[in-house]
Amino acid sequence: MGGITTPALMVLSHSGVGNSLISSADRLVGTTNTAKDLLGITKSKRRKKERQVLEAEQAADSADLAARQTADIEDLQQRNTLAAQRIQAESEIDDRRRRRDLRQETGSLRAALGAQGISSADGSGEALILGRERAAAEARNDAARLDALKLAGLSEEETALKRRNLLDLTRQQERQRLERLARGL
């Protein structure tokens, strides 16, 4: 009660009963201040504990999300590796088939030209054979471009998943930040 200097308190302070009342009031104020300090410490400890629990929950959520995203990416990469191997194997099989077919066509064409008395080294015979070879080369190039597009699609799928994962991570971090703000931590 220090600092209050009214005439009544001055009179009370000079009497024995007044001193006792003032002393009791001072002790009451001191006890109240001590209780407030303890409550503040308790409140501070409680908020610190809440913050630690929230941080642990958010860390567990982040670790769970990261683990799921890593597993998703690894799964997609394995599927893409298998798909790329399948595309490569199919491409090699198709290329061997096209070459075999070209050899057979060329052999049949030469035999047919020879049966007609036309040499495959002559202009028209050679033109027919070169035309077939050119068509086969175009088919090979078309197949290679198609395979490249398929492989690019696989790569794009992985890139899209990584972008989605980054977006999910950013959303989670923002949600966690807003939760901390809402709780006043």
Protein backbone atom coordinates (compact mmCIF):
# COMPACT_ATOMS: atom_id res chain seq x y z
CA MET A 1 0.00 0.00 0.00
CA GLY A 2 3.05 2.17 -0.15
CA GLY A 3 2.64 5.34 -2.09
CA ILE A 4 -0.86 6.11 -0.85
CA THR A 5 -0.47 9.06 1.41
CA THR A 6 -3.89 10.19 2.43
CA PRO A 7 -4.40 11.91 5.75
CA ALA A 8 -6.33 8.91 7.07
CA LEU A 9 -3.41 6.59 6.42
CA MET A 10 -1.03 9.00 8.02
CA VAL A 11 -3.15 9.01 11.16
CA LEU A 12 -3.48 5.23 11.12
CA SER A 13 0.24 4.81 10.71
CA HIS A 14 0.85 6.62 13.98
CA SER A 15 -1.43 4.35 16.00
CA GLY A 16 -0.70 0.72 16.94
CA VAL A 17 -3.91 -0.64 15.40
CA GLY A 18 -3.32 1.41 12.28
CA ASN A 19 0.21 0.06 11.93
CA SER A 20 -1.13 -3.44 12.28
CA LEU A 21 -3.75 -2.84 9.57
CA ILE A 22 -1.22 -1.26 7.23
CA SER A 23 1.24 -4.07 7.86
CA SER A 24 -1.48 -6.68 7.17
CA ALA A 25 -2.50 -4.87 4.00
CA ASP A 26 1.14 -4.72 2.85
CA ARG A 27 1.52 -8.46 3.51
CA LEU A 28 -1.71 -9.14 1.62
CA VAL A 29 -0.46 -7.10 -1.34
CA GLY A 30 2.88 -8.91 -1.20
CA THR A 31 1.16 -12.30 -1.06
CA THR A 32 -1.08 -11.30 -3.96
CA ASN A 33 1.95 -10.20 -5.99
CA THR A 34 3.74 -13.45 -5.18
CA ALA A 35 0.67 -15.45 -6.25
CA LYS A 36 0.49 -13.47 -9.48
CA ASP A 37 4.18 -14.17 -10.11
CA LEU A 38 3.67 -17.87 -9.49
CA LEU A 39 0.62 -17.92 -11.74
CA GLY A 40 2.64 -16.14 -14.39
CA ILE A 41 5.40 -18.72 -14.10
CA THR A 42 2.87 -21.55 -14.15
CA LYS A 43 1.10 -19.99 -17.11
CA SER A 44 4.45 -19.51 -18.84
CA LYS A 45 5.40 -23.13 -18.20
CA ARG A 46 1.99 -24.31 -19.43
CA ARG A 47 2.32 -22.26 -22.63
CA LYS A 48 5.85 -23.57 -23.11
CA LYS A 49 4.58 -27.14 -22.68
CA GLU A 50 1.70 -26.46 -25.12
CA ARG A 51 4.21 -25.06 -27.62
CA GLN A 52 6.42 -28.14 -27.22
CA VAL A 53 3.46 -30.50 -27.69
CA LEU A 54 2.27 -28.56 -30.74
CA GLU A 55 5.79 -28.52 -32.21
CA ALA A 56 6.09 -32.28 -31.64
CA GLU A 57 2.70 -32.91 -33.29
CA GLN A 58 3.61 -30.69 -36.23
CA ALA A 59 7.03 -32.32 -36.57
CA ALA A 60 5.36 -35.75 -36.60
CA ASP A 61 2.87 -34.55 -39.24
CA SER A 62 5.72 -33.13 -41.33
CA ALA A 63 7.73 -36.34 -41.03
CA ASP A 64 4.66 -38.38 -42.00
CA LEU A 65 4.02 -36.19 -45.04
CA ALA A 66 7.69 -36.34 -46.07
CA ALA A 67 7.72 -40.14 -45.70
CA ARG A 68 4.54 -40.51 -47.78
CA GLN A 69 5.89 -38.16 -50.44
CA THR A 70 9.22 -39.97 -50.58
CA ALA A 71 7.45 -43.32 -50.88
CA ASP A 72 5.20 -41.93 -53.64
CA ILE A 73 8.19 -40.59 -55.59
CA GLU A 74 10.16 -43.81 -55.18
CA ASP A 75 7.13 -45.84 -56.30
CA LEU A 76 6.63 -43.61 -59.34
CA GLN A 77 10.34 -43.77 -60.19
CA GLN A 78 10.25 -47.57 -60.05
CA ARG A 79 7.16 -47.67 -62.26
CA ASN A 80 8.78 -45.19 -64.65
CA THR A 81 11.98 -47.24 -64.76
CA LEU A 82 9.98 -50.36 -65.61
CA ALA A 83 7.94 -48.44 -68.19
CA ALA A 84 11.12 -47.03 -69.75
CA GLN A 85 12.64 -50.52 -69.90
CA ARG A 86 9.44 -51.83 -71.48
CA ILE A 87 9.44 -48.98 -74.03
CA GLN A 88 13.11 -49.68 -74.83
CA ALA A 89 12.51 -53.43 -75.17
CA GLU A 90 9.46 -52.90 -77.38
CA SER A 91 11.45 -50.44 -79.47
CA GLU A 92 14.28 -52.92 -79.95
CA ILE A 93 11.83 -55.70 -80.84
CA ASP A 94 10.01 -53.45 -83.33
CA ASP A 95 13.32 -52.31 -84.82
CA ARG A 96 14.48 -55.92 -85.30
CA ARG A 97 11.11 -56.78 -86.85
CA ARG A 98 11.30 -53.78 -89.21
CA ARG A 99 14.85 -54.71 -90.27
CA ARG A 100 13.88 -58.35 -90.80
CA ASP A 101 10.83 -57.28 -92.80
CA LEU A 102 12.98 -54.89 -94.87
CA ARG A 103 15.51 -57.66 -95.60
CA GLN A 104 12.71 -59.99 -96.62
CA GLU A 105 11.05 -57.33 -98.78
CA THR A 106 14.36 -56.40 -100.36
CA GLY A 107 15.17 -60.06 -101.04
CA SER A 108 11.69 -60.69 -102.48
CA LEU A 109 11.89 -57.54 -104.58
CA ARG A 110 15.32 -58.47 -105.95
CA ALA A 111 14.10 -61.97 -106.72
CA ALA A 112 11.02 -60.59 -108.48
CA LEU A 113 13.12 -58.08 -110.42
CA GLY A 114 15.62 -60.80 -111.33
CA ALA A 115 12.78 -63.06 -112.52
CA GLN A 116 11.67 -60.25 -114.82
CA GLY A 117 15.20 -59.79 -116.06
CA ILE A 118 15.70 -56.46 -114.33
CA SER A 119 18.89 -55.97 -112.34
CA SER A 120 18.57 -54.46 -108.86
CA ALA A 121 21.56 -52.30 -109.79
CA ASP A 122 19.59 -50.74 -112.66
CA GLY A 123 17.94 -47.39 -112.12
CA SER A 124 14.36 -48.57 -111.65
CA GLY A 125 15.27 -51.62 -109.52
CA GLU A 126 17.60 -49.58 -107.38
CA ALA A 127 14.94 -46.87 -107.00
CA LEU A 128 12.42 -49.44 -105.75
CA ILE A 129 14.86 -50.85 -103.21
CA LEU A 130 15.96 -47.38 -102.04
CA GLY A 131 12.31 -46.36 -101.71
CA ARG A 132 11.64 -49.32 -99.41
CA GLU A 133 14.76 -48.54 -97.37
CA ARG A 134 13.74 -44.87 -97.10
CA ALA A 135 10.26 -45.86 -95.93
CA ALA A 136 11.79 -48.19 -93.34
CA ALA A 137 14.12 -45.41 -92.14
CA GLU A 138 11.13 -43.05 -91.78
CA ALA A 139 9.26 -45.69 -89.79
CA ARG A 140 12.33 -46.09 -87.55
CA ASN A 141 12.55 -42.31 -87.01
CA ASP A 142 8.80 -42.08 -86.28
CA ALA A 143 9.08 -44.89 -83.74
CA ALA A 144 12.09 -43.20 -82.11
CA ARG A 145 10.16 -39.90 -81.82
CA LEU A 146 7.18 -41.73 -80.35
CA ASP A 147 9.42 -43.47 -77.81
CA ALA A 148 11.01 -40.13 -76.89
CA LEU A 149 7.53 -38.67 -76.30
CA LYS A 150 6.58 -41.62 -74.10
CA LEU A 151 9.77 -41.21 -72.05
CA ALA A 152 9.21 -37.45 -71.78
CA GLY A 153 5.68 -38.17 -70.51
CA LEU A 154 7.12 -40.37 -67.78
CA SER A 155 9.56 -37.64 -66.79
CA GLU A 156 6.79 -35.03 -66.80
CA GLU A 157 4.66 -37.23 -64.54
CA GLU A 158 7.50 -37.36 -62.00
CA THR A 159 8.02 -33.59 -62.22
CA ALA A 160 4.29 -33.01 -61.68
CA LEU A 161 4.32 -35.26 -58.60
CA LYS A 162 7.28 -33.34 -57.17
CA ARG A 163 5.42 -30.05 -57.76
CA ARG A 164 2.31 -31.44 -56.07
CA ASN A 165 4.41 -32.63 -53.14
CA LEU A 166 5.99 -29.20 -52.78
CA LEU A 167 2.54 -27.59 -52.86
CA ASP A 168 1.26 -30.02 -50.19
CA LEU A 169 4.30 -29.30 -48.02
CA THR A 170 3.80 -25.54 -48.38
CA ARG A 171 0.11 -25.85 -47.51
CA GLN A 172 0.93 -27.92 -44.44
CA GLN A 173 3.54 -25.43 -43.26
CA GLU A 174 1.08 -22.57 -43.70
CA ARG A 175 -1.64 -24.49 -41.81
CA GLN A 176 0.81 -25.15 -38.99
CA ARG A 177 1.85 -21.51 -38.88
CA LEU A 178 -1.79 -20.40 -38.70
CA GLU A 179 -2.47 -22.96 -35.97
CA ARG A 180 0.43 -21.60 -33.91
CA LEU A 181 -0.89 -18.06 -34.40
CA ALA A 182 -4.44 -19.09 -33.47
CA ARG A 183 -3.19 -20.70 -30.27
CA GLY A 184 -1.01 -17.70 -29.52
CA LEU A 185 2.17 -19.75 -29.46
